[in-house]
N, C-alpha and C. Protein backbone atom coordinates (compact mmCIF):
# COMPACT_ATOMS: atom_id res chain seq x y z
N MET A 1 111.27 63.61 106.55
CA MET A 1 110.48 64.40 105.82
C MET A 1 111.40 65.79 105.57
N LEU A 2 111.18 66.42 104.39
CA LEU A 2 112.12 67.39 103.98
C LEU A 2 111.28 68.59 103.92
N ARG A 3 112.04 69.81 104.18
CA ARG A 3 111.44 71.07 104.27
C ARG A 3 112.49 72.07 103.69
N SER A 4 112.05 73.08 103.30
CA SER A 4 112.82 74.38 102.73
C SER A 4 112.99 74.95 103.84
N ALA A 5 114.44 75.47 103.54
CA ALA A 5 114.99 76.40 104.78
C ALA A 5 114.74 77.87 104.38
N ASP A 6 114.74 79.12 105.21
CA ASP A 6 114.77 80.29 104.62
C ASP A 6 115.96 80.77 103.72
N ASP A 7 117.18 79.85 103.70
CA ASP A 7 118.26 80.26 103.21
C ASP A 7 118.50 79.91 101.69
N GLY A 8 117.55 78.92 101.55
CA GLY A 8 117.34 77.97 99.95
C GLY A 8 117.86 76.75 100.16
N SER A 9 118.24 76.19 101.47
CA SER A 9 118.65 75.04 101.53
C SER A 9 117.63 74.05 101.99
N GLY A 10 117.84 72.99 102.34
CA GLY A 10 116.68 72.16 102.81
C GLY A 10 117.22 71.68 104.19
N ALA A 11 116.03 71.19 104.93
CA ALA A 11 116.33 70.63 106.12
C ALA A 11 115.52 69.32 106.41
N CYS A 12 115.98 68.27 107.11
CA CYS A 12 115.26 67.08 107.61
C CYS A 12 114.30 67.49 108.76
N ALA A 13 113.60 66.58 109.24
CA ALA A 13 112.73 66.75 110.31
C ALA A 13 113.57 66.91 111.54
N GLU A 14 114.92 66.24 111.77
CA GLU A 14 116.11 66.38 112.72
C GLU A 14 116.65 67.90 112.65
N GLY A 15 116.40 68.74 111.67
CA GLY A 15 117.33 69.79 111.61
C GLY A 15 118.70 69.58 110.53
N HIS A 16 119.00 68.57 109.97
CA HIS A 16 120.30 68.60 109.14
C HIS A 16 120.03 69.29 108.00
N ARG A 17 120.91 70.09 107.64
CA ARG A 17 120.71 71.11 106.39
C ARG A 17 121.58 70.48 105.42
N PHE A 18 121.04 70.65 104.11
CA PHE A 18 121.67 70.25 103.04
C PHE A 18 121.36 71.12 101.93
N THR A 19 122.20 71.18 100.69
CA THR A 19 121.99 72.03 99.65
C THR A 19 121.11 70.86 98.63
N ALA A 20 120.42 71.47 97.62
CA ALA A 20 120.07 70.72 96.38
C ALA A 20 121.07 69.82 95.92
N VAL A 21 122.07 70.35 95.68
CA VAL A 21 123.30 69.47 95.13
C VAL A 21 123.66 68.40 95.92
N ALA A 22 123.91 68.76 97.18
CA ALA A 22 124.00 67.36 98.19
C ALA A 22 122.89 66.53 98.37
N LEU A 23 121.74 67.09 98.37
CA LEU A 23 120.77 65.87 98.36
C LEU A 23 120.94 65.27 97.06
N ALA A 24 120.97 65.58 95.99
CA ALA A 24 120.79 64.78 94.51
C ALA A 24 121.94 63.83 94.71
N LEU A 25 123.53 64.31 95.26
CA LEU A 25 124.54 63.59 95.14
C LEU A 25 124.05 62.10 96.05
N ALA A 26 123.74 62.78 97.14
CA ALA A 26 123.39 61.57 98.28
C ALA A 26 122.55 60.72 97.79
N THR A 27 121.19 60.97 97.40
CA THR A 27 120.16 60.08 97.13
C THR A 27 120.18 59.54 95.79
N ASN A 28 120.64 60.17 94.89
CA ASN A 28 120.89 59.63 93.43
C ASN A 28 122.15 59.04 93.55
N GLY A 29 123.34 59.10 94.24
CA GLY A 29 124.32 58.37 94.47
C GLY A 29 124.50 57.15 94.82
N ASP A 30 123.36 56.82 96.14
CA ASP A 30 122.88 55.63 96.38
C ASP A 30 122.41 54.79 95.16
N ALA A 31 121.56 55.40 94.64
CA ALA A 31 120.76 54.31 93.44
C ALA A 31 121.79 54.12 92.48
N VAL A 32 122.68 54.78 92.09
CA VAL A 32 123.79 54.51 91.21
C VAL A 32 124.70 53.29 91.62
N ARG A 33 124.99 53.59 93.00
CA ARG A 33 125.81 52.22 93.59
C ARG A 33 124.90 51.22 93.70
N ALA A 34 123.84 50.99 93.80
CA ALA A 34 122.98 49.85 94.03
C ALA A 34 122.80 49.30 92.50
N LEU A 35 122.48 50.29 91.61
CA LEU A 35 122.51 49.84 90.30
C LEU A 35 123.76 48.97 89.80
N TRP A 36 125.08 49.54 90.11
CA TRP A 36 126.27 48.87 89.70
C TRP A 36 126.48 47.58 90.54
N SER A 37 126.11 47.63 91.68
CA SER A 37 126.18 46.22 92.54
C SER A 37 125.14 45.26 91.93
N ALA A 38 124.07 45.59 91.54
CA ALA A 38 123.17 44.78 90.91
C ALA A 38 123.66 44.14 89.53
N ILE A 39 124.35 44.97 88.62
CA ILE A 39 125.01 44.56 87.56
C ILE A 39 126.17 43.47 87.84
N ARG A 40 126.84 43.71 88.83
CA ARG A 40 128.09 43.08 89.14
C ARG A 40 127.39 41.53 89.47
N ALA A 41 126.28 41.53 90.45
CA ALA A 41 125.68 40.24 90.98
C ALA A 41 125.21 39.68 89.60
N LEU A 42 124.59 40.19 88.95
CA LEU A 42 123.96 39.62 87.83
C LEU A 42 124.91 38.90 86.91
N GLU A 43 126.26 39.71 86.45
CA GLU A 43 127.20 39.28 85.68
C GLU A 43 127.84 38.01 86.61
N ASP A 44 127.99 37.95 87.89
CA ASP A 44 128.67 36.78 88.61
C ASP A 44 127.73 35.77 88.37
N ASP A 45 126.26 35.81 88.47
CA ASP A 45 125.56 34.82 88.51
C ASP A 45 125.55 34.08 87.02
N ALA A 46 125.67 34.83 86.02
CA ALA A 46 125.79 34.24 84.51
C ALA A 46 126.99 33.75 84.34
N ALA A 47 128.08 33.96 84.94
CA ALA A 47 129.51 33.25 84.87
C ALA A 47 129.15 32.06 85.89
N GLY A 48 128.63 31.87 86.80
CA GLY A 48 128.38 30.59 87.49
C GLY A 48 127.54 29.75 86.77
N LEU A 49 126.39 30.32 86.22
CA LEU A 49 125.67 29.49 85.56
C LEU A 49 126.44 28.95 84.11
N ASP A 50 127.30 29.76 83.49
CA ASP A 50 128.10 29.12 82.25
C ASP A 50 128.92 28.18 82.96
N TYR A 51 129.62 28.28 84.12
CA TYR A 51 130.47 27.24 84.62
C TYR A 51 129.55 26.17 84.73
N LEU A 52 128.39 25.98 85.54
CA LEU A 52 127.78 25.08 85.43
C LEU A 52 127.22 23.93 84.43
N ALA A 53 127.00 25.03 83.33
CA ALA A 53 126.44 24.31 82.23
C ALA A 53 127.68 23.70 81.27
N ASP A 54 128.79 24.05 81.77
CA ASP A 54 130.11 23.48 80.97
C ASP A 54 130.42 22.22 81.65
N ARG A 55 129.91 21.84 82.70
CA ARG A 55 130.35 20.68 83.22
C ARG A 55 129.79 19.62 82.46
N ALA A 56 130.57 18.78 82.18
CA ALA A 56 129.97 17.38 81.59
C ALA A 56 128.98 16.51 82.28
N GLY A 57 128.09 16.14 81.68
CA GLY A 57 126.98 15.43 82.01
C GLY A 57 125.89 16.21 82.81
N ASP A 58 125.99 17.63 82.71
CA ASP A 58 124.66 18.51 83.37
C ASP A 58 123.37 18.29 82.79
N PRO A 59 122.54 17.63 82.97
CA PRO A 59 121.15 17.44 82.27
C PRO A 59 120.55 18.84 82.26
N CYS A 60 120.98 19.94 82.75
CA CYS A 60 120.15 21.11 82.57
C CYS A 60 121.30 22.08 82.26
N ALA A 61 122.03 21.68 81.31
CA ALA A 61 123.17 22.38 80.76
C ALA A 61 122.01 23.65 79.86
N ALA A 62 121.20 23.24 79.01
CA ALA A 62 120.76 24.10 78.11
C ALA A 62 119.74 25.25 79.05
N ASP A 63 119.22 24.78 79.89
CA ASP A 63 118.61 25.75 80.89
C ASP A 63 119.30 26.65 81.65
N ARG A 64 120.56 26.38 82.14
CA ARG A 64 121.52 27.12 82.69
C ARG A 64 121.81 27.91 81.82
N ARG A 65 122.27 27.77 80.44
CA ARG A 65 122.92 28.63 79.54
C ARG A 65 121.71 29.86 79.05
N GLN A 66 120.28 29.19 79.28
CA GLN A 66 119.34 30.25 78.75
C GLN A 66 119.39 31.30 80.19
N GLU A 67 119.63 30.80 81.42
CA GLU A 67 119.39 31.63 82.55
C GLU A 67 120.58 32.69 82.52
N ALA A 68 121.73 31.79 82.04
CA ALA A 68 122.87 32.87 82.17
C ALA A 68 122.75 34.15 80.90
N SER A 69 122.22 33.67 79.86
CA SER A 69 121.88 34.41 78.87
C SER A 69 120.93 35.69 79.31
N ASP A 70 119.67 35.23 79.98
CA ASP A 70 118.99 36.17 80.58
C ASP A 70 119.42 37.18 81.65
N ALA A 71 120.44 36.54 82.45
CA ALA A 71 121.18 37.44 83.68
C ALA A 71 122.16 38.44 82.69
N ARG A 72 122.73 38.20 81.74
CA ARG A 72 123.61 39.14 81.19
C ARG A 72 122.69 40.01 80.46
N GLU A 73 121.66 39.64 79.94
CA GLU A 73 120.65 40.67 79.31
C GLU A 73 120.13 41.78 80.29
N ALA A 74 119.72 41.38 81.21
CA ALA A 74 119.35 42.16 82.42
C ALA A 74 120.64 42.93 82.81
N ALA A 75 121.77 42.59 83.14
CA ALA A 75 122.64 43.13 83.52
C ALA A 75 123.08 44.31 82.37
N LEU A 76 122.96 44.03 81.06
CA LEU A 76 123.11 45.21 80.08
C LEU A 76 122.00 46.26 80.07
N ARG A 77 120.82 45.79 80.52
CA ARG A 77 119.58 46.86 80.51
C ARG A 77 120.26 47.67 81.57
N LEU A 78 120.25 46.97 82.76
CA LEU A 78 120.90 47.84 84.13
C LEU A 78 122.11 48.82 83.83
N ARG A 79 123.07 48.14 83.00
CA ARG A 79 124.23 48.93 82.79
C ARG A 79 123.84 50.42 81.97
N GLY A 80 122.86 50.19 81.02
CA GLY A 80 122.18 51.47 80.54
C GLY A 80 121.76 52.37 81.40
N TYR A 81 120.93 51.85 82.39
CA TYR A 81 120.32 52.72 83.34
C TYR A 81 121.54 53.48 84.16
N ALA A 82 122.16 52.64 84.75
CA ALA A 82 123.26 53.18 85.50
C ALA A 82 124.27 54.14 84.85
N SER A 83 124.64 53.84 83.77
CA SER A 83 125.35 54.84 82.99
C SER A 83 124.92 56.01 82.65
N ALA A 84 123.49 56.12 82.33
CA ALA A 84 122.70 57.73 82.21
C ALA A 84 122.62 58.22 83.59
N ALA A 85 122.40 57.52 84.73
CA ALA A 85 122.42 58.08 85.86
C ALA A 85 123.72 58.83 86.29
N GLN A 86 124.86 57.94 86.22
CA GLN A 86 126.10 58.58 86.45
C GLN A 86 126.46 59.68 85.78
N ARG A 87 126.25 59.67 84.68
CA ARG A 87 126.09 60.95 83.52
C ARG A 87 125.36 61.94 84.02
N ARG A 88 124.40 61.97 84.57
CA ARG A 88 123.72 63.02 85.34
C ARG A 88 124.35 63.56 86.59
N LEU A 89 124.80 62.64 87.49
CA LEU A 89 125.61 62.98 88.67
C LEU A 89 126.92 63.67 88.56
N ASP A 90 127.68 63.19 87.32
CA ASP A 90 128.80 63.71 87.15
C ASP A 90 128.91 65.28 87.44
N PRO A 91 128.32 66.06 86.65
CA PRO A 91 128.18 67.30 86.73
C PRO A 91 127.84 68.06 88.14
N LEU A 92 126.90 67.27 88.80
CA LEU A 92 126.76 67.68 90.15
C LEU A 92 127.97 67.66 90.92
N ASP A 93 128.58 66.42 90.92
CA ASP A 93 129.66 66.18 91.61
C ASP A 93 130.72 67.03 91.68
N ALA A 94 130.88 67.46 90.06
CA ALA A 94 132.43 68.50 89.95
C ALA A 94 131.70 69.83 90.57
N ALA A 95 130.45 70.32 90.47
CA ALA A 95 130.02 71.58 90.91
C ALA A 95 129.87 71.52 92.56
N SER A 96 130.13 70.58 92.97
CA SER A 96 130.11 70.11 94.63
C SER A 96 131.67 70.37 95.08
N GLY A 97 132.49 70.01 94.46
CA GLY A 97 134.00 69.96 94.95
C GLY A 97 134.49 71.08 94.75
């Protein structure tokens, strides 16, 4: 639970103090890192599915290609969110340094 301190900073229930910028960098930074991790996982999944579809005699090749395409599309959508979130963080990061 977060509460405001008298000096304009914030504090958690255990008394750890933080500024608004530090809180935004910590929480939003975690979200941005998770998005980029998900993007990498989706792109790796798509590559693996393409590899399987390319193997001779795979009776499910068309399904695997569609799944790969779906994974790439999801990664592309997430990339847009991650890029926008990163742009919001960059000015905060510069201000904190």
